[in-house]
Amino acid sequence: MHRKAAQYVTRTTTAAAGAVATAATSVAAAAVAASIVLSPVADASSRLDGVRADLQRAVQLNQITQEQAISFEAKLAGRILGEA
């Protein structure tokens, strides 16, 4: 194979592989977005349970203090229960 032909094949193969990877990523992102949009909304108590668990984990990892967790949970509870 001639040198220019080999370069063309290499370039077009690389570009095609990149386009396929980009398309696959877009399809995967669309599938995730659709599953989030179409999933049922959790009720307020289960949302608060999740918030509480996440905040406790953050306290255990020393990312926030217990006081900060309590304050933030109270703020979110007001918002979440206000929506319900």
PDB file of N, CA and C in Angstrom:
ATOM      1  N   MET A   1       0.860  -1.173   0.000  1.00  0.00           N
ATOM      2  CA  MET A   1       0.000   0.000   0.000  1.00  0.00           C
ATOM      3  C   MET A   1       0.901   1.230   0.000  1.00  0.00           C
ATOM      4  N   HIS A   2       0.489   2.235  -0.735  1.00  0.00           N
ATOM      5  CA  HIS A   2       1.251   3.470  -0.790  1.00  0.00           C
ATOM      6  C   HIS A   2       1.143   4.207   0.534  1.00  0.00           C
ATOM      7  N   ARG A   3       2.147   5.020   0.777  1.00  0.00           N
ATOM      8  CA  ARG A   3       2.201   5.752   2.045  1.00  0.00           C
ATOM      9  C   ARG A   3       0.989   6.667   2.237  1.00  0.00           C
ATOM     10  N   LYS A   4       0.590   7.412   1.213  1.00  0.00           N
ATOM     11  CA  LYS A   4      -0.552   8.317   1.323  1.00  0.00           C
ATOM     12  C   LYS A   4      -1.839   7.537   1.529  1.00  0.00           C
ATOM     13  N   ALA A   5      -1.957   6.407   0.880  1.00  0.00           N
ATOM     14  CA  ALA A   5      -3.158   5.580   1.049  1.00  0.00           C
ATOM     15  C   ALA A   5      -3.227   5.048   2.470  1.00  0.00           C
ATOM     16  N   ALA A   6      -2.104   4.639   3.031  1.00  0.00           N
ATOM     17  CA  ALA A   6      -2.076   4.129   4.403  1.00  0.00           C
ATOM     18  C   ALA A   6      -2.450   5.233   5.387  1.00  0.00           C
ATOM     19  N   GLN A   7      -1.971   6.453   5.149  1.00  0.00           N
ATOM     20  CA  GLN A   7      -2.327   7.567   6.020  1.00  0.00           C
ATOM     21  C   GLN A   7      -3.819   7.863   5.941  1.00  0.00           C
ATOM     22  N   TYR A   8      -4.383   7.809   4.738  1.00  0.00           N
ATOM     23  CA  TYR A   8      -5.816   8.068   4.568  1.00  0.00           C
ATOM     24  C   TYR A   8      -6.644   7.019   5.302  1.00  0.00           C
ATOM     25  N   VAL A   9      -6.271   5.761   5.156  1.00  0.00           N
ATOM     26  CA  VAL A   9      -7.006   4.679   5.826  1.00  0.00           C
ATOM     27  C   VAL A   9      -6.908   4.839   7.328  1.00  0.00           C
ATOM     28  N   THR A  10      -5.737   5.163   7.826  1.00  0.00           N
ATOM     29  CA  THR A  10      -5.553   5.345   9.266  1.00  0.00           C
ATOM     30  C   THR A  10      -6.388   6.510   9.776  1.00  0.00           C
ATOM     31  N   ARG A  11      -6.350   7.639   9.041  1.00  0.00           N
ATOM     32  CA  ARG A  11      -7.106   8.816   9.460  1.00  0.00           C
ATOM     33  C   ARG A  11      -8.608   8.570   9.436  1.00  0.00           C
ATOM     34  N   THR A  12      -9.106   7.961   8.370  1.00  0.00           N
ATOM     35  CA  THR A  12     -10.553   7.749   8.270  1.00  0.00           C
ATOM     36  C   THR A  12     -11.027   6.706   9.261  1.00  0.00           C
ATOM     37  N   THR A  13     -10.218   5.691   9.525  1.00  0.00           N
ATOM     38  CA  THR A  13     -10.581   4.675  10.510  1.00  0.00           C
ATOM     39  C   THR A  13     -10.637   5.283  11.902  1.00  0.00           C
ATOM     40  N   THR A  14      -9.666   6.120  12.226  1.00  0.00           N
ATOM     41  CA  THR A  14      -9.640   6.787  13.530  1.00  0.00           C
ATOM     42  C   THR A  14     -10.834   7.725  13.682  1.00  0.00           C
ATOM     43  N   ALA A  15     -11.150   8.481  12.640  1.00  0.00           N
ATOM     44  CA  ALA A  15     -12.293   9.405  12.690  1.00  0.00           C
ATOM     45  C   ALA A  15     -13.598   8.632  12.846  1.00  0.00           C
ATOM     46  N   ALA A  16     -13.731   7.519  12.127  1.00  0.00           N
ATOM     47  CA  ALA A  16     -14.953   6.718  12.221  1.00  0.00           C
ATOM     48  C   ALA A  16     -15.100   6.120  13.615  1.00  0.00           C
ATOM     49  N   ALA A  17     -13.999   5.663  14.197  1.00  0.00           N
ATOM     50  CA  ALA A  17     -14.057   5.092  15.546  1.00  0.00           C
ATOM     51  C   ALA A  17     -14.450   6.158  16.554  1.00  0.00           C
ATOM     52  N   GLY A  18     -13.942   7.368  16.383  1.00  0.00           N
ATOM     53  CA  GLY A  18     -14.309   8.463  17.273  1.00  0.00           C
ATOM     54  C   GLY A  18     -15.774   8.827  17.147  1.00  0.00           C
ATOM     55  N   ALA A  19     -16.298   8.805  15.929  1.00  0.00           N
ATOM     56  CA  ALA A  19     -17.709   9.120  15.713  1.00  0.00           C
ATOM     57  C   ALA A  19     -18.602   8.055  16.338  1.00  0.00           C
ATOM     58  N   VAL A  20     -18.204   6.794  16.229  1.00  0.00           N
ATOM     59  CA  VAL A  20     -18.982   5.703  16.830  1.00  0.00           C
ATOM     60  C   VAL A  20     -18.977   5.830  18.346  1.00  0.00           C
ATOM     61  N   ALA A  21     -17.822   6.150  18.926  1.00  0.00           N
ATOM     62  CA  ALA A  21     -17.738   6.311  20.376  1.00  0.00           C
ATOM     63  C   ALA A  21     -18.590   7.476  20.841  1.00  0.00           C
ATOM     64  N   THR A  22     -18.582   8.576  20.098  1.00  0.00           N
ATOM     65  CA  THR A  22     -19.400   9.736  20.452  1.00  0.00           C
ATOM     66  C   THR A  22     -20.877   9.398  20.363  1.00  0.00           C
ATOM     67  N   ALA A  23     -21.269   8.680  19.314  1.00  0.00           N
ATOM     68  CA  ALA A  23     -22.670   8.290  19.157  1.00  0.00           C
ATOM     69  C   ALA A  23     -23.101   7.354  20.283  1.00  0.00           C
ATOM     70  N   ALA A  24     -22.240   6.414  20.647  1.00  0.00           N
ATOM     71  CA  ALA A  24     -22.570   5.477  21.723  1.00  0.00           C
ATOM     72  C   ALA A  24     -22.726   6.213  23.048  1.00  0.00           C
ATOM     73  N   THR A  25     -21.861   7.191  23.285  1.00  0.00           N
ATOM     74  CA  THR A  25     -21.959   7.983  24.510  1.00  0.00           C
ATOM     75  C   THR A  25     -23.259   8.771  24.533  1.00  0.00           C
ATOM     76  N   SER A  26     -23.631   9.340  23.402  1.00  0.00           N
ATOM     77  CA  SER A  26     -24.876  10.111  23.325  1.00  0.00           C
ATOM     78  C   SER A  26     -26.090   9.228  23.572  1.00  0.00           C
ATOM     79  N   VAL A  27     -26.070   8.027  23.012  1.00  0.00           N
ATOM     80  CA  VAL A  27     -27.187   7.098  23.211  1.00  0.00           C
ATOM     81  C   VAL A  27     -27.272   6.692  24.674  1.00  0.00           C
ATOM     82  N   ALA A  28     -26.137   6.419  25.286  1.00  0.00           N
ATOM     83  CA  ALA A  28     -26.133   6.034  26.703  1.00  0.00           C
ATOM     84  C   ALA A  28     -26.632   7.175  27.571  1.00  0.00           C
ATOM     85  N   ALA A  29     -26.208   8.387  27.282  1.00  0.00           N
ATOM     86  CA  ALA A  29     -26.661   9.543  28.065  1.00  0.00           C
ATOM     87  C   ALA A  29     -28.165   9.751  27.907  1.00  0.00           C
ATOM     88  N   ALA A  30     -28.668   9.558  26.700  1.00  0.00           N
ATOM     89  CA  ALA A  30     -30.104   9.708  26.469  1.00  0.00           C
ATOM     90  C   ALA A  30     -30.896   8.641  27.224  1.00  0.00           C
ATOM     91  N   ALA A  31     -30.357   7.430  27.274  1.00  0.00           N
ATOM     92  CA  ALA A  31     -31.035   6.353  28.003  1.00  0.00           C
ATOM     93  C   ALA A  31     -31.091   6.650  29.494  1.00  0.00           C
ATOM     94  N   VAL A  32     -30.000   7.148  30.046  1.00  0.00           N
ATOM     95  CA  VAL A  32     -29.968   7.499  31.471  1.00  0.00           C
ATOM     96  C   VAL A  32     -30.942   8.633  31.751  1.00  0.00           C
ATOM     97  N   ALA A  33     -30.943   9.645  30.903  1.00  0.00           N
ATOM     98  CA  ALA A  33     -31.856  10.781  31.094  1.00  0.00           C
ATOM     99  C   ALA A  33     -33.310  10.328  31.032  1.00  0.00           C
ATOM    100  N   ALA A  34     -33.623   9.452  30.093  1.00  0.00           N
ATOM    101  CA  ALA A  34     -34.997   8.954  29.975  1.00  0.00           C
ATOM    102  C   ALA A  34     -35.398   8.152  31.203  1.00  0.00           C
ATOM    103  N   SER A  35     -34.475   7.360  31.735  1.00  0.00           N
ATOM    104  CA  SER A  35     -34.816   6.567  32.920  1.00  0.00           C
ATOM    105  C   SER A  35     -35.058   7.454  34.129  1.00  0.00           C
ATOM    106  N   ILE A  36     -34.332   8.560  34.211  1.00  0.00           N
ATOM    107  CA  ILE A  36     -34.537   9.498  35.324  1.00  0.00           C
ATOM    108  C   ILE A  36     -35.876  10.206  35.175  1.00  0.00           C
ATOM    109  N   VAL A  37     -36.165  10.669  33.975  1.00  0.00           N
ATOM    110  CA  VAL A  37     -37.401  11.407  33.743  1.00  0.00           C
ATOM    111  C   VAL A  37     -38.617  10.515  33.933  1.00  0.00           C
ATOM    112  N   LEU A  38     -38.518   9.274  33.487  1.00  0.00           N
ATOM    113  CA  LEU A  38     -39.667   8.374  33.529  1.00  0.00           C
ATOM    114  C   LEU A  38     -39.794   7.604  34.841  1.00  0.00           C
ATOM    115  N   SER A  39     -38.800   7.721  35.727  1.00  0.00           N
ATOM    116  CA  SER A  39     -38.890   6.988  36.993  1.00  0.00           C
ATOM    117  C   SER A  39     -39.901   7.674  37.918  1.00  0.00           C
ATOM    118  N   PRO A  40     -40.575   6.877  38.747  1.00  0.00           N
ATOM    119  CA  PRO A  40     -41.558   7.476  39.647  1.00  0.00           C
ATOM    120  C   PRO A  40     -40.885   8.369  40.691  1.00  0.00           C
ATOM    121  N   VAL A  41     -41.570   9.412  41.065  1.00  0.00           N
ATOM    122  CA  VAL A  41     -41.041  10.345  42.057  1.00  0.00           C
ATOM    123  C   VAL A  41     -41.196   9.715  43.443  1.00  0.00           C
ATOM    124  N   ALA A  42     -40.122   9.762  44.216  1.00  0.00           N
ATOM    125  CA  ALA A  42     -40.169   9.204  45.565  1.00  0.00           C
ATOM    126  C   ALA A  42     -41.027  10.089  46.458  1.00  0.00           C
ATOM    127  N   ASP A  43     -41.681   9.465  47.419  1.00  0.00           N
ATOM    128  CA  ASP A  43     -42.486  10.264  48.338  1.00  0.00           C
ATOM    129  C   ASP A  43     -41.571  11.034  49.289  1.00  0.00           C
ATOM    130  N   ALA A  44     -42.139  12.004  49.968  1.00  0.00           N
ATOM    131  CA  ALA A  44     -41.355  12.922  50.799  1.00  0.00           C
ATOM    132  C   ALA A  44     -40.574  12.188  51.884  1.00  0.00           C
ATOM    133  N   SER A  45     -41.183  11.201  52.525  1.00  0.00           N
ATOM    134  CA  SER A  45     -40.481  10.527  53.627  1.00  0.00           C
ATOM    135  C   SER A  45     -39.279   9.730  53.127  1.00  0.00           C
ATOM    136  N   SER A  46     -39.387   9.097  51.965  1.00  0.00           N
ATOM    137  CA  SER A  46     -38.236   8.352  51.459  1.00  0.00           C
ATOM    138  C   SER A  46     -37.144   9.300  50.965  1.00  0.00           C
ATOM    139  N   ARG A  47     -37.543  10.451  50.437  1.00  0.00           N
ATOM    140  CA  ARG A  47     -36.549  11.455  50.049  1.00  0.00           C
ATOM    141  C   ARG A  47     -35.795  11.955  51.273  1.00  0.00           C
ATOM    142  N   LEU A  48     -36.514  12.219  52.359  1.00  0.00           N
ATOM    143  CA  LEU A  48     -35.864  12.681  53.588  1.00  0.00           C
ATOM    144  C   LEU A  48     -34.961  11.601  54.176  1.00  0.00           C
ATOM    145  N   ASP A  49     -35.379  10.344  54.080  1.00  0.00           N
ATOM    146  CA  ASP A  49     -34.524   9.249  54.555  1.00  0.00           C
ATOM    147  C   ASP A  49     -33.206   9.220  53.775  1.00  0.00           C
ATOM    148  N   GLY A  50     -33.298   9.427  52.461  1.00  0.00           N
ATOM    149  CA  GLY A  50     -32.090   9.461  51.637  1.00  0.00           C
ATOM    150  C   GLY A  50     -31.199  10.634  51.979  1.00  0.00           C
ATOM    151  N   VAL A  51     -31.801  11.788  52.193  1.00  0.00           N
ATOM    152  CA  VAL A  51     -31.036  12.977  52.585  1.00  0.00           C
ATOM    153  C   VAL A  51     -30.345  12.724  53.918  1.00  0.00           C
ATOM    154  N   ARG A  52     -31.082  12.170  54.861  1.00  0.00           N
ATOM    155  CA  ARG A  52     -30.529  11.898  56.192  1.00  0.00           C
ATOM    156  C   ARG A  52     -29.338  10.933  56.088  1.00  0.00           C
ATOM    157  N   ALA A  53     -29.484   9.884  55.287  1.00  0.00           N
ATOM    158  CA  ALA A  53     -28.397   8.908  55.118  1.00  0.00           C
ATOM    159  C   ALA A  53     -27.178   9.560  54.469  1.00  0.00           C
ATOM    160  N   ASP A  54     -27.402  10.384  53.452  1.00  0.00           N
ATOM    161  CA  ASP A  54     -26.285  11.066  52.787  1.00  0.00           C
ATOM    162  C   ASP A  54     -25.567  12.017  53.740  1.00  0.00           C
ATOM    163  N   LEU A  55     -26.337  12.731  54.544  1.00  0.00           N
ATOM    164  CA  LEU A  55     -25.723  13.667  55.487  1.00  0.00           C
ATOM    165  C   LEU A  55     -24.949  12.925  56.577  1.00  0.00           C
ATOM    166  N   GLN A  56     -25.476  11.809  57.045  1.00  0.00           N
ATOM    167  CA  GLN A  56     -24.756  11.023  58.059  1.00  0.00           C
ATOM    168  C   GLN A  56     -23.436  10.506  57.500  1.00  0.00           C
ATOM    169  N   ARG A  57     -23.469  10.095  56.238  1.00  0.00           N
ATOM    170  CA  ARG A  57     -22.242   9.624  55.593  1.00  0.00           C
ATOM    171  C   ARG A  57     -21.222  10.770  55.492  1.00  0.00           C
ATOM    172  N   ALA A  58     -21.691  11.963  55.161  1.00  0.00           N
ATOM    173  CA  ALA A  58     -20.799  13.117  55.075  1.00  0.00           C
ATOM    174  C   ALA A  58     -20.191  13.449  56.432  1.00  0.00           C
ATOM    175  N   VAL A  59     -20.972  13.298  57.502  1.00  0.00           N
ATOM    176  CA  VAL A  59     -20.457  13.526  58.858  1.00  0.00           C
ATOM    177  C   VAL A  59     -19.393  12.485  59.187  1.00  0.00           C
ATOM    178  N   GLN A  60     -19.652  11.222  58.851  1.00  0.00           N
ATOM    179  CA  GLN A  60     -18.682  10.153  59.120  1.00  0.00           C
ATOM    180  C   GLN A  60     -17.367  10.379  58.380  1.00  0.00           C
ATOM    181  N   LEU A  61     -17.454  10.968  57.198  1.00  0.00           N
ATOM    182  CA  LEU A  61     -16.254  11.230  56.411  1.00  0.00           C
ATOM    183  C   LEU A  61     -15.609  12.572  56.757  1.00  0.00           C
ATOM    184  N   ASN A  62     -16.139  13.228  57.804  1.00  0.00           N
ATOM    185  CA  ASN A  62     -15.637  14.530  58.256  1.00  0.00           C
ATOM    186  C   ASN A  62     -15.701  15.597  57.163  1.00  0.00           C
ATOM    187  N   GLN A  63     -16.700  15.491  56.301  1.00  0.00           N
ATOM    188  CA  GLN A  63     -16.891  16.502  55.272  1.00  0.00           C
ATOM    189  C   GLN A  63     -17.704  17.672  55.809  1.00  0.00           C
ATOM    190  N   ILE A  64     -18.595  17.389  56.762  1.00  0.00           N
ATOM    191  CA  ILE A  64     -19.396  18.417  57.426  1.00  0.00           C
ATOM    192  C   ILE A  64     -19.507  18.036  58.893  1.00  0.00           C
ATOM    193  N   THR A  65     -19.902  19.002  59.710  1.00  0.00           N
ATOM    194  CA  THR A  65     -20.101  18.705  61.134  1.00  0.00           C
ATOM    195  C   THR A  65     -21.528  18.207  61.357  1.00  0.00           C
ATOM    196  N   GLN A  66     -21.755  17.642  62.524  1.00  0.00           N
ATOM    197  CA  GLN A  66     -23.098  17.169  62.868  1.00  0.00           C
ATOM    198  C   GLN A  66     -24.082  18.346  62.888  1.00  0.00           C
ATOM    199  N   GLU A  67     -23.622  19.486  63.385  1.00  0.00           N
ATOM    200  CA  GLU A  67     -24.478  20.674  63.437  1.00  0.00           C
ATOM    201  C   GLU A  67     -24.868  21.134  62.032  1.00  0.00           C
ATOM    202  N   GLN A  68     -23.910  21.099  61.106  1.00  0.00           N
ATOM    203  CA  GLN A  68     -24.205  21.475  59.728  1.00  0.00           C
ATOM    204  C   GLN A  68     -25.218  20.514  59.106  1.00  0.00           C
ATOM    205  N   ALA A  69     -25.058  19.234  59.398  1.00  0.00           N
ATOM    206  CA  ALA A  69     -25.977  18.231  58.865  1.00  0.00           C
ATOM    207  C   ALA A  69     -27.394  18.465  59.380  1.00  0.00           C
ATOM    208  N   ILE A  70     -27.518  18.756  60.657  1.00  0.00           N
ATOM    209  CA  ILE A  70     -28.837  19.006  61.255  1.00  0.00           C
ATOM    210  C   ILE A  70     -29.480  20.231  60.623  1.00  0.00           C
ATOM    211  N   SER A  71     -28.692  21.283  60.470  1.00  0.00           N
ATOM    212  CA  SER A  71     -29.207  22.522  59.887  1.00  0.00           C
ATOM    213  C   SER A  71     -29.639  22.312  58.437  1.00  0.00           C
ATOM    214  N   PHE A  72     -28.802  21.650  57.664  1.00  0.00           N
ATOM    215  CA  PHE A  72     -29.114  21.428  56.258  1.00  0.00           C
ATOM    216  C   PHE A  72     -30.326  20.512  56.098  1.00  0.00           C
ATOM    217  N   GLU A  73     -30.412  19.484  56.943  1.00  0.00           N
ATOM    218  CA  GLU A  73     -31.564  18.585  56.885  1.00  0.00           C
ATOM    219  C   GLU A  73     -32.856  19.338  57.188  1.00  0.00           C
ATOM    220  N   ALA A  74     -32.814  20.236  58.161  1.00  0.00           N
ATOM    221  CA  ALA A  74     -34.006  21.017  58.499  1.00  0.00           C
ATOM    222  C   ALA A  74     -34.436  21.894  57.327  1.00  0.00           C
ATOM    223  N   LYS A  75     -33.465  22.527  56.650  1.00  0.00           N
ATOM    224  CA  LYS A  75     -33.788  23.361  55.491  1.00  0.00           C
ATOM    225  C   LYS A  75     -34.408  22.527  54.374  1.00  0.00           C
ATOM    226  N   LEU A  76     -33.797  21.382  54.091  1.00  0.00           N
ATOM    227  CA  LEU A  76     -34.322  20.534  53.023  1.00  0.00           C
ATOM    228  C   LEU A  76     -35.677  19.946  53.383  1.00  0.00           C
ATOM    229  N   ALA A  77     -35.855  19.586  54.634  1.00  0.00           N
ATOM    230  CA  ALA A  77     -37.141  19.037  55.060  1.00  0.00           C
ATOM    231  C   ALA A  77     -38.246  20.067  54.825  1.00  0.00           C
ATOM    232  N   GLY A  78     -37.966  21.322  55.116  1.00  0.00           N
ATOM    233  CA  GLY A  78     -38.950  22.376  54.874  1.00  0.00           C
ATOM    234  C   GLY A  78     -39.303  22.481  53.394  1.00  0.00           C
ATOM    235  N   ARG A  79     -38.296  22.384  52.541  1.00  0.00           N
ATOM    236  CA  ARG A  79     -38.540  22.466  51.097  1.00  0.00           C
ATOM    237  C   ARG A  79     -39.260  21.228  50.582  1.00  0.00           C
ATOM    238  N   ILE A  80     -38.800  20.058  50.998  1.00  0.00           N
ATOM    239  CA  ILE A  80     -39.393  18.801  50.506  1.00  0.00           C
ATOM    240  C   ILE A  80     -40.823  18.662  51.001  1.00  0.00           C
ATOM    241  N   LEU A  81     -41.048  18.934  52.271  1.00  0.00           N
ATOM    242  CA  LEU A  81     -42.411  18.804  52.817  1.00  0.00           C
ATOM    243  C   LEU A  81     -43.314  19.909  52.309  1.00  0.00           C
ATOM    244  N   GLY A  82     -42.723  21.039  51.955  1.00  0.00           N
ATOM    245  CA  GLY A  82     -43.515  22.129  51.390  1.00  0.00           C
ATOM    246  C   GLY A  82     -44.037  21.784  50.007  1.00  0.00           C
ATOM    247  N   GLU A  83     -43.295  20.925  49.270  1.00  0.00           N
ATOM    248  CA  GLU A  83     -43.712  20.495  47.934  1.00  0.00           C
ATOM    249  C   GLU A  83     -44.790  19.426  48.010  1.00  0.00           C
ATOM    250  N   ALA A  84     -44.758  18.622  49.081  1.00  0.00           N
ATOM    251  CA  ALA A  84     -45.636  17.448  49.162  1.00  0.00           C
ATOM    252  C   ALA A  84     -47.084  17.831  49.382  1.00  0.00           C
TER     253      ALA A  84
END
